[in-house]
């Protein structure tokens, strides 16, 4: 998803940007969080892809639990 990475790079050229929020798709978030991580900008994400959560980024904040945990949480209820 090169478009979301390019868009995030353009947004972060504004020195007043201190935090970012993702789009709706985990695939978009995978590329845009690469940009915010390198820039040291916190990014809040609603993506639930396991790959997104497992990268261990310092500046990524994931407000939805990963897909595999959603499945096990739902089964244990």
N, C-alpha and C. Protein backbone atom coordinates (compact mmCIF):
# COMPACT_ATOMS: atom_id res chain seq x y z
N UNK A 1 0.82 -1.18 0.00
CA UNK A 1 0.00 0.00 0.00
C UNK A 1 0.87 1.25 0.00
N UNK A 2 1.55 1.42 -1.10
CA UNK A 2 2.47 2.54 -1.24
C UNK A 2 1.79 3.89 -1.09
N UNK A 3 0.53 3.99 -1.49
CA UNK A 3 -0.19 5.26 -1.42
C UNK A 3 -0.32 5.78 0.00
N UNK A 4 -0.58 4.89 0.95
CA UNK A 4 -0.73 5.36 2.33
C UNK A 4 0.62 5.78 2.92
N UNK A 5 1.69 5.12 2.52
CA UNK A 5 3.02 5.52 2.99
C UNK A 5 3.39 6.90 2.42
N UNK A 6 3.12 7.09 1.15
CA UNK A 6 3.41 8.38 0.52
C UNK A 6 2.58 9.48 1.14
N UNK A 7 1.32 9.21 1.39
CA UNK A 7 0.45 10.21 2.02
C UNK A 7 0.95 10.55 3.42
N UNK A 8 1.39 9.55 4.18
CA UNK A 8 1.88 9.82 5.53
C UNK A 8 3.17 10.64 5.47
N UNK A 9 4.04 10.35 4.51
CA UNK A 9 5.26 11.14 4.35
C UNK A 9 4.93 12.60 4.08
N UNK A 10 3.94 12.85 3.23
CA UNK A 10 3.54 14.23 2.93
C UNK A 10 2.98 14.92 4.17
N UNK A 11 2.14 14.24 4.91
CA UNK A 11 1.53 14.82 6.12
C UNK A 11 2.61 15.18 7.14
N UNK A 12 3.59 14.30 7.30
CA UNK A 12 4.61 14.51 8.33
C UNK A 12 5.62 15.59 7.96
N UNK A 13 5.52 16.15 6.78
CA UNK A 13 6.36 17.31 6.44
C UNK A 13 5.94 18.55 7.21
N UNK A 14 4.72 18.54 7.73
CA UNK A 14 4.22 19.63 8.56
C UNK A 14 4.81 19.47 9.96
N UNK A 15 5.63 20.41 10.42
CA UNK A 15 6.28 20.25 11.73
C UNK A 15 5.30 20.32 12.91
N UNK A 16 4.07 20.76 12.67
CA UNK A 16 3.08 20.83 13.75
C UNK A 16 2.42 19.48 14.02
N UNK A 17 2.63 18.50 13.17
CA UNK A 17 2.03 17.17 13.38
C UNK A 17 2.79 16.46 14.49
N UNK A 18 2.09 16.11 15.54
CA UNK A 18 2.71 15.45 16.71
C UNK A 18 2.23 14.03 16.92
N UNK A 19 1.12 13.65 16.28
CA UNK A 19 0.55 12.32 16.43
C UNK A 19 -0.26 12.01 15.17
N UNK A 20 -0.38 10.73 14.85
CA UNK A 20 -1.13 10.32 13.66
C UNK A 20 -2.15 9.25 14.04
N UNK A 21 -3.16 9.15 13.21
CA UNK A 21 -4.15 8.09 13.36
C UNK A 21 -4.25 7.39 12.01
N UNK A 22 -4.45 6.09 12.05
CA UNK A 22 -4.43 5.30 10.83
C UNK A 22 -5.75 5.36 10.07
N UNK A 23 -5.73 4.66 8.95
CA UNK A 23 -6.95 4.43 8.19
C UNK A 23 -7.65 3.20 8.71
N UNK A 24 -8.57 2.69 7.94
CA UNK A 24 -9.41 1.58 8.41
C UNK A 24 -8.83 0.21 8.09
N UNK A 25 -7.82 0.13 7.27
CA UNK A 25 -7.34 -1.16 6.80
C UNK A 25 -5.96 -1.49 7.37
N UNK A 26 -5.80 -2.71 7.86
CA UNK A 26 -4.50 -3.13 8.38
C UNK A 26 -3.41 -3.04 7.32
N UNK A 27 -3.74 -3.32 6.07
CA UNK A 27 -2.72 -3.25 5.02
C UNK A 27 -2.24 -1.81 4.82
N UNK A 28 -3.12 -0.84 4.93
CA UNK A 28 -2.70 0.57 4.88
C UNK A 28 -1.82 0.89 6.09
N UNK A 29 -2.22 0.40 7.24
CA UNK A 29 -1.50 0.68 8.47
C UNK A 29 -0.10 0.09 8.46
N UNK A 30 0.08 -1.05 7.82
CA UNK A 30 1.40 -1.68 7.76
C UNK A 30 2.41 -0.73 7.13
N UNK A 31 2.02 -0.03 6.09
CA UNK A 31 2.98 0.87 5.43
C UNK A 31 3.04 2.23 6.10
N UNK A 32 1.92 2.76 6.56
CA UNK A 32 1.96 4.10 7.16
C UNK A 32 2.68 4.08 8.51
N UNK A 33 2.57 3.00 9.26
CA UNK A 33 3.27 2.93 10.55
C UNK A 33 4.79 2.81 10.37
N UNK A 34 5.22 2.29 9.24
CA UNK A 34 6.66 2.28 8.95
C UNK A 34 7.18 3.71 8.92
N UNK A 35 6.41 4.61 8.34
CA UNK A 35 6.81 6.00 8.20
C UNK A 35 6.79 6.70 9.56
N UNK A 36 5.72 6.54 10.32
CA UNK A 36 5.64 7.21 11.61
C UNK A 36 6.66 6.65 12.60
N UNK A 37 6.95 5.37 12.50
CA UNK A 37 7.96 4.78 13.38
C UNK A 37 9.33 5.40 13.13
N UNK A 38 9.71 5.52 11.87
CA UNK A 38 11.00 6.13 11.54
C UNK A 38 11.06 7.59 11.99
N UNK A 39 9.93 8.28 11.92
CA UNK A 39 9.88 9.69 12.30
C UNK A 39 9.74 9.90 13.81
N UNK A 40 9.45 8.84 14.56
CA UNK A 40 9.26 8.97 16.00
C UNK A 40 7.95 9.66 16.35
N UNK A 41 6.94 9.47 15.50
CA UNK A 41 5.63 10.07 15.71
C UNK A 41 4.67 8.97 16.19
N UNK A 42 4.00 9.14 17.32
CA UNK A 42 3.03 8.14 17.75
C UNK A 42 1.90 8.00 16.74
N UNK A 43 1.50 6.77 16.48
CA UNK A 43 0.38 6.53 15.57
C UNK A 43 -0.57 5.55 16.24
N UNK A 44 -1.83 5.96 16.33
CA UNK A 44 -2.87 5.11 16.90
C UNK A 44 -3.55 4.35 15.77
N UNK A 45 -3.67 3.05 15.95
CA UNK A 45 -4.17 2.18 14.88
C UNK A 45 -5.38 1.38 15.34
N UNK A 46 -6.31 1.19 14.42
CA UNK A 46 -7.46 0.33 14.67
C UNK A 46 -7.35 -0.98 13.91
N UNK A 47 -6.24 -1.21 13.25
CA UNK A 47 -6.04 -2.46 12.52
C UNK A 47 -5.89 -3.63 13.48
N UNK A 48 -6.34 -4.80 13.05
CA UNK A 48 -6.26 -5.96 13.93
C UNK A 48 -5.44 -7.11 13.36
N UNK A 49 -4.68 -6.84 12.32
CA UNK A 49 -3.81 -7.86 11.74
C UNK A 49 -2.75 -8.28 12.76
N UNK A 50 -2.54 -9.59 12.90
CA UNK A 50 -1.51 -10.07 13.80
C UNK A 50 -0.14 -9.53 13.40
N UNK A 51 0.14 -9.47 12.12
CA UNK A 51 1.43 -8.97 11.64
C UNK A 51 1.66 -7.53 12.07
N UNK A 52 0.63 -6.75 12.09
CA UNK A 52 0.72 -5.35 12.51
C UNK A 52 1.10 -5.26 13.99
N UNK A 53 0.48 -6.07 14.80
CA UNK A 53 0.71 -6.04 16.24
C UNK A 53 2.05 -6.65 16.65
N UNK A 54 2.54 -7.60 15.89
CA UNK A 54 3.72 -8.36 16.28
C UNK A 54 5.04 -7.66 15.97
N UNK A 55 5.01 -6.54 15.28
CA UNK A 55 6.26 -5.88 14.88
C UNK A 55 6.99 -5.24 16.04
N UNK A 56 6.30 -4.92 17.12
CA UNK A 56 6.96 -4.36 18.29
C UNK A 56 7.44 -2.93 18.12
N UNK A 57 6.74 -2.16 17.33
CA UNK A 57 7.12 -0.77 17.13
C UNK A 57 6.95 0.02 18.42
N UNK A 58 7.89 0.91 18.68
CA UNK A 58 7.85 1.76 19.85
C UNK A 58 6.74 2.80 19.75
N UNK A 59 6.48 3.31 18.55
CA UNK A 59 5.56 4.43 18.36
C UNK A 59 4.18 4.00 17.87
N UNK A 60 3.94 2.71 17.78
CA UNK A 60 2.63 2.22 17.36
C UNK A 60 1.76 1.88 18.56
N UNK A 61 0.55 2.40 18.57
CA UNK A 61 -0.40 2.13 19.64
C UNK A 61 -1.65 1.52 19.03
N UNK A 62 -1.93 0.28 19.39
CA UNK A 62 -2.99 -0.49 18.75
C UNK A 62 -4.18 -0.60 19.70
N UNK A 63 -5.28 -0.01 19.31
CA UNK A 63 -6.44 0.09 20.20
C UNK A 63 -7.45 -1.04 20.01
N UNK A 64 -7.15 -1.94 19.10
CA UNK A 64 -7.98 -3.12 18.86
C UNK A 64 -7.09 -4.35 19.07
N UNK A 65 -7.60 -5.37 19.73
CA UNK A 65 -6.78 -6.56 19.95
C UNK A 65 -6.56 -7.29 18.62
N UNK A 66 -5.43 -8.01 18.49
CA UNK A 66 -5.14 -8.72 17.25
C UNK A 66 -6.18 -9.81 16.93
N UNK A 67 -6.24 -10.18 15.68
CA UNK A 67 -7.25 -11.12 15.18
C UNK A 67 -7.25 -12.44 15.95
N UNK A 68 -6.08 -13.01 16.20
CA UNK A 68 -6.06 -14.31 16.88
C UNK A 68 -6.58 -14.21 18.31
N UNK A 69 -6.33 -13.08 18.96
CA UNK A 69 -6.87 -12.91 20.32
C UNK A 69 -8.36 -12.65 20.28
N UNK A 70 -8.85 -12.03 19.22
CA UNK A 70 -10.30 -11.85 19.08
C UNK A 70 -10.98 -13.21 18.99
N UNK A 71 -10.38 -14.11 18.24
CA UNK A 71 -10.96 -15.43 18.07
C UNK A 71 -10.98 -16.21 19.38
N UNK A 72 -9.87 -16.20 20.09
CA UNK A 72 -9.82 -16.96 21.35
C UNK A 72 -10.68 -16.32 22.43
N UNK A 73 -10.77 -15.01 22.44
CA UNK A 73 -11.64 -14.32 23.40
C UNK A 73 -13.10 -14.66 23.15
N UNK A 74 -13.47 -14.69 21.88
CA UNK A 74 -14.84 -15.02 21.53
C UNK A 74 -15.19 -16.47 21.86
N UNK A 75 -14.23 -17.37 21.70
CA UNK A 75 -14.49 -18.78 21.98
C UNK A 75 -14.57 -19.07 23.47
N UNK A 76 -13.89 -18.29 24.29
CA UNK A 76 -13.87 -18.59 25.72
C UNK A 76 -15.11 -18.04 26.44
N UNK A 77 -15.90 -17.23 25.78
CA UNK A 77 -17.08 -16.65 26.42
C UNK A 77 -18.20 -17.64 26.57
